[in-house]
Amino acid sequence: TNAHIGTTLTDPDIDFAAVARGFGVHAEGP
């Protein structure tokens, strides 16, 4: 029942585009 703890990246979902933009990379999305 708690197997997802530490293995899923949700709530909130990671905005990888925002992270990339922070590094100066062109990014689209999510």
PDB file of all heavy atoms in Angstrom:
ATOM      1  N   THR A   1       0.811  -1.224   0.000  1.00  0.00           N
ATOM      2  CA  THR A   1       0.000   0.000   0.000  1.00  0.00           C
ATOM      3  C   THR A   1       0.843   1.272   0.000  1.00  0.00           C
ATOM      4  O   THR A   1       0.395   2.300  -0.492  1.00  0.00           O
ATOM      5  CB  THR A   1      -0.950   0.025   1.211  1.00  0.00           C
ATOM      6  OG1 THR A   1      -0.185  -0.092   2.412  1.00  0.00           O
ATOM      7  CG2 THR A   1      -1.964  -1.099   1.131  1.00  0.00           C
ATOM      8  N   ASN A   2       2.039   1.227   0.520  1.00  0.00           N
ATOM      9  CA  ASN A   2       2.908   2.410   0.543  1.00  0.00           C
ATOM     10  C   ASN A   2       4.128   2.253  -0.356  1.00  0.00           C
ATOM     11  O   ASN A   2       5.089   3.008  -0.228  1.00  0.00           O
ATOM     12  CB  ASN A   2       3.368   2.692   1.979  1.00  0.00           C
ATOM     13  CG  ASN A   2       2.226   3.124   2.865  1.00  0.00           C
ATOM     14  OD1 ASN A   2       1.303   3.785   2.413  1.00  0.00           O
ATOM     15  ND2 ASN A   2       2.270   2.737   4.123  1.00  0.00           N
ATOM     16  N   ALA A   3       4.081   1.306  -1.281  1.00  0.00           N
ATOM     17  CA  ALA A   3       5.237   1.041  -2.144  1.00  0.00           C
ATOM     18  C   ALA A   3       5.574   2.232  -3.041  1.00  0.00           C
ATOM     19  O   ALA A   3       6.715   2.381  -3.467  1.00  0.00           O
ATOM     20  CB  ALA A   3       4.993  -0.198  -2.994  1.00  0.00           C
ATOM     21  N   HIS A   4       4.608   3.105  -3.307  1.00  0.00           N
ATOM     22  CA  HIS A   4       4.848   4.255  -4.187  1.00  0.00           C
ATOM     23  C   HIS A   4       5.666   5.361  -3.515  1.00  0.00           C
ATOM     24  O   HIS A   4       6.250   6.199  -4.189  1.00  0.00           O
ATOM     25  CB  HIS A   4       3.510   4.839  -4.633  1.00  0.00           C
ATOM     26  CG  HIS A   4       2.737   5.452  -3.505  1.00  0.00           C
ATOM     27  ND1 HIS A   4       2.042   4.698  -2.593  1.00  0.00           N
ATOM     28  CD2 HIS A   4       2.589   6.737  -3.125  1.00  0.00           C
ATOM     29  CE1 HIS A   4       1.486   5.497  -1.704  1.00  0.00           C
ATOM     30  NE2 HIS A   4       1.797   6.747  -1.999  1.00  0.00           N
ATOM     31  N   ILE A   5       5.758   5.348  -2.206  1.00  0.00           N
ATOM     32  CA  ILE A   5       6.469   6.410  -1.491  1.00  0.00           C
ATOM     33  C   ILE A   5       7.957   6.351  -1.834  1.00  0.00           C
ATOM     34  O   ILE A   5       8.612   5.330  -1.678  1.00  0.00           O
ATOM     35  CB  ILE A   5       6.251   6.288   0.030  1.00  0.00           C
ATOM     36  CG1 ILE A   5       4.781   6.510   0.361  1.00  0.00           C
ATOM     37  CG2 ILE A   5       7.140   7.284   0.780  1.00  0.00           C
ATOM     38  CD1 ILE A   5       4.422   6.253   1.796  1.00  0.00           C
ATOM     39  N   GLY A   6       8.464   7.435  -2.324  1.00  0.00           N
ATOM     40  CA  GLY A   6       9.876   7.523  -2.689  1.00  0.00           C
ATOM     41  C   GLY A   6      10.192   6.992  -4.067  1.00  0.00           C
ATOM     42  O   GLY A   6      11.344   7.035  -4.497  1.00  0.00           O
ATOM     43  N   THR A   7       9.177   6.505  -4.792  1.00  0.00           N
ATOM     44  CA  THR A   7       9.441   5.957  -6.123  1.00  0.00           C
ATOM     45  C   THR A   7       8.644   6.645  -7.218  1.00  0.00           C
ATOM     46  O   THR A   7       8.897   6.402  -8.387  1.00  0.00           O
ATOM     47  CB  THR A   7       9.136   4.444  -6.171  1.00  0.00           C
ATOM     48  OG1 THR A   7       7.757   4.244  -5.840  1.00  0.00           O
ATOM     49  CG2 THR A   7      10.014   3.674  -5.220  1.00  0.00           C
ATOM     50  N   THR A   8       7.676   7.483  -6.860  1.00  0.00           N
ATOM     51  CA  THR A   8       6.900   8.202  -7.861  1.00  0.00           C
ATOM     52  C   THR A   8       7.104   9.702  -7.680  1.00  0.00           C
ATOM     53  O   THR A   8       7.316  10.181  -6.574  1.00  0.00           O
ATOM     54  CB  THR A   8       5.395   7.879  -7.747  1.00  0.00           C
ATOM     55  OG1 THR A   8       4.959   8.164  -6.425  1.00  0.00           O
ATOM     56  CG2 THR A   8       5.111   6.428  -8.074  1.00  0.00           C
ATOM     57  N   LEU A   9       7.036  10.397  -8.782  1.00  0.00           N
ATOM     58  CA  LEU A   9       7.235  11.847  -8.769  1.00  0.00           C
ATOM     59  C   LEU A   9       5.925  12.522  -9.184  1.00  0.00           C
ATOM     60  O   LEU A   9       5.737  12.899 -10.331  1.00  0.00           O
ATOM     61  CB  LEU A   9       8.366  12.235  -9.727  1.00  0.00           C
ATOM     62  CG  LEU A   9       9.715  11.598  -9.427  1.00  0.00           C
ATOM     63  CD1 LEU A   9      10.694  11.896 -10.543  1.00  0.00           C
ATOM     64  CD2 LEU A   9      10.254  12.091  -8.111  1.00  0.00           C
ATOM     65  N   THR A  10       4.995  12.634  -8.238  1.00  0.00           N
ATOM     66  CA  THR A  10       3.699  13.248  -8.510  1.00  0.00           C
ATOM     67  C   THR A  10       3.289  14.114  -7.329  1.00  0.00           C
ATOM     68  O   THR A  10       3.898  14.079  -6.273  1.00  0.00           O
ATOM     69  CB  THR A  10       2.609  12.175  -8.729  1.00  0.00           C
ATOM     70  OG1 THR A  10       2.540  11.339  -7.579  1.00  0.00           O
ATOM     71  CG2 THR A  10       2.904  11.328  -9.960  1.00  0.00           C
ATOM     72  N   ASP A  11       2.198  14.829  -7.548  1.00  0.00           N
ATOM     73  CA  ASP A  11       1.584  15.665  -6.497  1.00  0.00           C
ATOM     74  C   ASP A  11       2.540  16.671  -5.893  1.00  0.00           C
ATOM     75  O   ASP A  11       2.884  16.545  -4.733  1.00  0.00           O
ATOM     76  CB  ASP A  11       0.941  14.803  -5.417  1.00  0.00           C
ATOM     77  CG  ASP A  11      -0.213  13.984  -5.953  1.00  0.00           C
ATOM     78  OD1 ASP A  11      -0.937  14.518  -6.811  1.00  0.00           O
ATOM     79  OD2 ASP A  11      -0.377  12.855  -5.523  1.00  0.00           O
ATOM     80  N   PRO A  12       2.997  17.655  -6.565  1.00  0.00           N
ATOM     81  CA  PRO A  12       2.669  18.017  -7.937  1.00  0.00           C
ATOM     82  C   PRO A  12       3.618  17.346  -8.926  1.00  0.00           C
ATOM     83  O   PRO A  12       4.725  16.937  -8.566  1.00  0.00           O
ATOM     84  CB  PRO A  12       2.884  19.525  -7.958  1.00  0.00           C
ATOM     85  CG  PRO A  12       4.012  19.738  -6.996  1.00  0.00           C
ATOM     86  CD  PRO A  12       3.793  18.710  -5.906  1.00  0.00           C
ATOM     87  N   ASP A  13       3.155  17.249 -10.185  1.00  0.00           N
ATOM     88  CA  ASP A  13       4.030  16.734 -11.237  1.00  0.00           C
ATOM     89  C   ASP A  13       5.174  17.720 -11.459  1.00  0.00           C
ATOM     90  O   ASP A  13       5.011  18.930 -11.294  1.00  0.00           O
ATOM     91  CB  ASP A  13       3.255  16.563 -12.545  1.00  0.00           C
ATOM     92  CG  ASP A  13       2.226  15.444 -12.450  1.00  0.00           C
ATOM     93  OD1 ASP A  13       2.481  14.467 -11.721  1.00  0.00           O
ATOM     94  OD2 ASP A  13       1.176  15.557 -13.104  1.00  0.00           O
ATOM     95  N   ILE A  14       6.318  17.206 -11.839  1.00  0.00           N
ATOM     96  CA  ILE A  14       7.480  18.061 -12.091  1.00  0.00           C
ATOM     97  C   ILE A  14       7.319  18.733 -13.453  1.00  0.00           C
ATOM     98  O   ILE A  14       7.013  18.076 -14.444  1.00  0.00           O
ATOM     99  CB  ILE A  14       8.782  17.249 -12.049  1.00  0.00           C
ATOM    100  CG1 ILE A  14       8.977  16.658 -10.661  1.00  0.00           C
ATOM    101  CG2 ILE A  14       9.969  18.110 -12.437  1.00  0.00           C
ATOM    102  CD1 ILE A  14      10.105  15.670 -10.575  1.00  0.00           C
ATOM    103  N   ASP A  15       7.503  20.026 -13.511  1.00  0.00           N
ATOM    104  CA  ASP A  15       7.451  20.777 -14.762  1.00  0.00           C
ATOM    105  C   ASP A  15       8.874  20.809 -15.331  1.00  0.00           C
ATOM    106  O   ASP A  15       9.649  21.727 -15.071  1.00  0.00           O
ATOM    107  CB  ASP A  15       6.918  22.180 -14.497  1.00  0.00           C
ATOM    108  CG  ASP A  15       6.699  22.980 -15.772  1.00  0.00           C
ATOM    109  OD1 ASP A  15       7.199  22.570 -16.837  1.00  0.00           O
ATOM    110  OD2 ASP A  15       6.028  24.029 -15.688  1.00  0.00           O
ATOM    111  N   PHE A  16       9.219  19.771 -16.087  1.00  0.00           N
ATOM    112  CA  PHE A  16      10.571  19.659 -16.633  1.00  0.00           C
ATOM    113  C   PHE A  16      10.886  20.798 -17.595  1.00  0.00           C
ATOM    114  O   PHE A  16      12.043  21.219 -17.704  1.00  0.00           O
ATOM    115  CB  PHE A  16      10.765  18.302 -17.313  1.00  0.00           C
ATOM    116  CG  PHE A  16      10.790  17.159 -16.355  1.00  0.00           C
ATOM    117  CD1 PHE A  16       9.720  16.291 -16.252  1.00  0.00           C
ATOM    118  CD2 PHE A  16      11.885  16.943 -15.539  1.00  0.00           C
ATOM    119  CE1 PHE A  16       9.740  15.227 -15.358  1.00  0.00           C
ATOM    120  CE2 PHE A  16      11.920  15.884 -14.639  1.00  0.00           C
ATOM    121  CZ  PHE A  16      10.833  15.030 -14.550  1.00  0.00           C
ATOM    122  N   ALA A  17       9.877  21.312 -18.291  1.00  0.00           N
ATOM    123  CA  ALA A  17      10.113  22.434 -19.202  1.00  0.00           C
ATOM    124  C   ALA A  17      10.566  23.668 -18.421  1.00  0.00           C
ATOM    125  O   ALA A  17      11.475  24.378 -18.841  1.00  0.00           O
ATOM    126  CB  ALA A  17       8.854  22.736 -20.015  1.00  0.00           C
ATOM    127  N   ALA A  18       9.950  23.923 -17.283  1.00  0.00           N
ATOM    128  CA  ALA A  18      10.352  25.070 -16.463  1.00  0.00           C
ATOM    129  C   ALA A  18      11.770  24.896 -15.934  1.00  0.00           C
ATOM    130  O   ALA A  18      12.548  25.860 -15.892  1.00  0.00           O
ATOM    131  CB  ALA A  18       9.376  25.255 -15.304  1.00  0.00           C
ATOM    132  N   VAL A  19      12.114  23.681 -15.558  1.00  0.00           N
ATOM    133  CA  VAL A  19      13.476  23.415 -15.082  1.00  0.00           C
ATOM    134  C   VAL A  19      14.475  23.678 -16.207  1.00  0.00           C
ATOM    135  O   VAL A  19      15.509  24.333 -16.008  1.00  0.00           O
ATOM    136  CB  VAL A  19      13.607  21.963 -14.558  1.00  0.00           C
ATOM    137  CG1 VAL A  19      15.047  21.640 -14.216  1.00  0.00           C
ATOM    138  CG2 VAL A  19      12.708  21.744 -13.356  1.00  0.00           C
ATOM    139  N   ALA A  20      14.172  23.189 -17.414  1.00  0.00           N
ATOM    140  CA  ALA A  20      15.073  23.387 -18.556  1.00  0.00           C
ATOM    141  C   ALA A  20      15.221  24.866 -18.883  1.00  0.00           C
ATOM    142  O   ALA A  20      16.332  25.341 -19.144  1.00  0.00           O
ATOM    143  CB  ALA A  20      14.549  22.618 -19.772  1.00  0.00           C
ATOM    144  N   ARG A  21      14.096  25.594 -18.870  1.00  0.00           N
ATOM    145  CA  ARG A  21      14.171  27.037 -19.135  1.00  0.00           C
ATOM    146  C   ARG A  21      15.057  27.740 -18.113  1.00  0.00           C
ATOM    147  O   ARG A  21      15.770  28.686 -18.439  1.00  0.00           O
ATOM    148  CB  ARG A  21      12.780  27.655 -19.125  1.00  0.00           C
ATOM    149  CG  ARG A  21      11.980  27.341 -20.344  1.00  0.00           C
ATOM    150  CD  ARG A  21      10.642  28.093 -20.345  1.00  0.00           C
ATOM    151  NE  ARG A  21       9.698  27.345 -21.137  1.00  0.00           N
ATOM    152  CZ  ARG A  21       8.694  26.612 -20.658  1.00  0.00           C
ATOM    153  NH1 ARG A  21       8.471  26.553 -19.358  1.00  0.00           N
ATOM    154  NH2 ARG A  21       7.907  25.958 -21.470  1.00  0.00           N
ATOM    155  N   GLY A  22      15.031  27.269 -16.891  1.00  0.00           N
ATOM    156  CA  GLY A  22      15.871  27.838 -15.845  1.00  0.00           C
ATOM    157  C   GLY A  22      17.356  27.686 -16.144  1.00  0.00           C
ATOM    158  O   GLY A  22      18.176  28.460 -15.661  1.00  0.00           O
ATOM    159  N   PHE A  23      17.693  26.691 -16.949  1.00  0.00           N
ATOM    160  CA  PHE A  23      19.078  26.475 -17.359  1.00  0.00           C
ATOM    161  C   PHE A  23      19.372  27.105 -18.720  1.00  0.00           C
ATOM    162  O   PHE A  23      20.425  26.876 -19.300  1.00  0.00           O
ATOM    163  CB  PHE A  23      19.395  24.978 -17.413  1.00  0.00           C
ATOM    164  CG  PHE A  23      19.576  24.368 -16.053  1.00  0.00           C
ATOM    165  CD1 PHE A  23      18.570  23.617 -15.462  1.00  0.00           C
ATOM    166  CD2 PHE A  23      20.759  24.545 -15.351  1.00  0.00           C
ATOM    167  CE1 PHE A  23      18.732  23.057 -14.211  1.00  0.00           C
ATOM    168  CE2 PHE A  23      20.934  23.996 -14.097  1.00  0.00           C
ATOM    169  CZ  PHE A  23      19.917  23.248 -13.525  1.00  0.00           C
ATOM    170  N   GLY A  24      18.411  27.857 -19.249  1.00  0.00           N
ATOM    171  CA  GLY A  24      18.623  28.524 -20.529  1.00  0.00           C
ATOM    172  C   GLY A  24      18.388  27.648 -21.737  1.00  0.00           C
ATOM    173  O   GLY A  24      18.798  27.984 -22.848  1.00  0.00           O
ATOM    174  N   VAL A  25      17.710  26.530 -21.570  1.00  0.00           N
ATOM    175  CA  VAL A  25      17.434  25.597 -22.662  1.00  0.00           C
ATOM    176  C   VAL A  25      16.072  25.915 -23.248  1.00  0.00           C
ATOM    177  O   VAL A  25      15.120  26.215 -22.518  1.00  0.00           O
ATOM    178  CB  VAL A  25      17.468  24.139 -22.142  1.00  0.00           C
ATOM    179  CG1 VAL A  25      17.015  23.154 -23.198  1.00  0.00           C
ATOM    180  CG2 VAL A  25      18.860  23.792 -21.650  1.00  0.00           C
ATOM    181  N   HIS A  26      15.948  25.832 -24.573  1.00  0.00           N
ATOM    182  CA  HIS A  26      14.631  25.973 -25.198  1.00  0.00           C
ATOM    183  C   HIS A  26      13.769  24.814 -24.727  1.00  0.00           C
ATOM    184  O   HIS A  26      14.173  23.656 -24.811  1.00  0.00           O
ATOM    185  CB  HIS A  26      14.741  25.944 -26.728  1.00  0.00           C
ATOM    186  CG  HIS A  26      13.405  25.881 -27.393  1.00  0.00           C
ATOM    187  ND1 HIS A  26      12.644  26.991 -27.607  1.00  0.00           N
ATOM    188  CD2 HIS A  26      12.681  24.827 -27.850  1.00  0.00           C
ATOM    189  CE1 HIS A  26      11.509  26.629 -28.186  1.00  0.00           C
ATOM    190  NE2 HIS A  26      11.520  25.325 -28.342  1.00  0.00           N
ATOM    191  N   ALA A  27      12.576  25.104 -24.246  1.00  0.00           N
ATOM    192  CA  ALA A  27      11.703  24.049 -23.735  1.00  0.00           C
ATOM    193  C   ALA A  27      10.257  24.329 -24.102  1.00  0.00           C
ATOM    194  O   ALA A  27       9.833  25.485 -24.132  1.00  0.00           O
ATOM    195  CB  ALA A  27      11.848  23.927 -22.226  1.00  0.00           C
ATOM    196  N   GLU A  28       9.527  23.275 -24.367  1.00  0.00           N
ATOM    197  CA  GLU A  28       8.103  23.361 -24.665  1.00  0.00           C
ATOM    198  C   GLU A  28       7.361  22.446 -23.703  1.00  0.00           C
ATOM    199  O   GLU A  28       7.829  21.369 -23.371  1.00  0.00           O
ATOM    200  CB  GLU A  28       7.841  22.888 -26.095  1.00  0.00           C
ATOM    201  CG  GLU A  28       8.667  23.620 -27.102  1.00  0.00           C
ATOM    202  CD  GLU A  28       7.846  24.266 -28.174  1.00  0.00           C
ATOM    203  OE1 GLU A  28       6.611  24.167 -28.142  1.00  0.00           O
ATOM    204  OE2 GLU A  28       8.463  24.874 -29.050  1.00  0.00           O
ATOM    205  N   GLY A  29       6.189  22.890 -23.267  1.00  0.00           N
ATOM    206  CA  GLY A  29       5.370  22.025 -22.448  1.00  0.00           C
ATOM    207  C   GLY A  29       5.156  22.563 -21.056  1.00  0.00           C
ATOM    208  O   GLY A  29       5.543  23.686 -20.748  1.00  0.00           O
ATOM    209  N   PRO A  30       4.555  21.770 -20.225  1.00  0.00           N
ATOM    210  CA  PRO A  30       4.133  20.393 -20.436  1.00  0.00           C
ATOM    211  C   PRO A  30       2.975  20.305 -21.438  1.00  0.00           C
ATOM    212  O   PRO A  30       2.028  21.075 -21.368  1.00  0.00           O
ATOM    213  CB  PRO A  30       3.680  19.906 -19.075  1.00  0.00           C
ATOM    214  CG  PRO A  30       3.806  21.040 -18.130  1.00  0.00           C
ATOM    215  CD  PRO A  30       4.303  22.224 -18.875  1.00  0.00           C
TER     216      PRO A  30
END
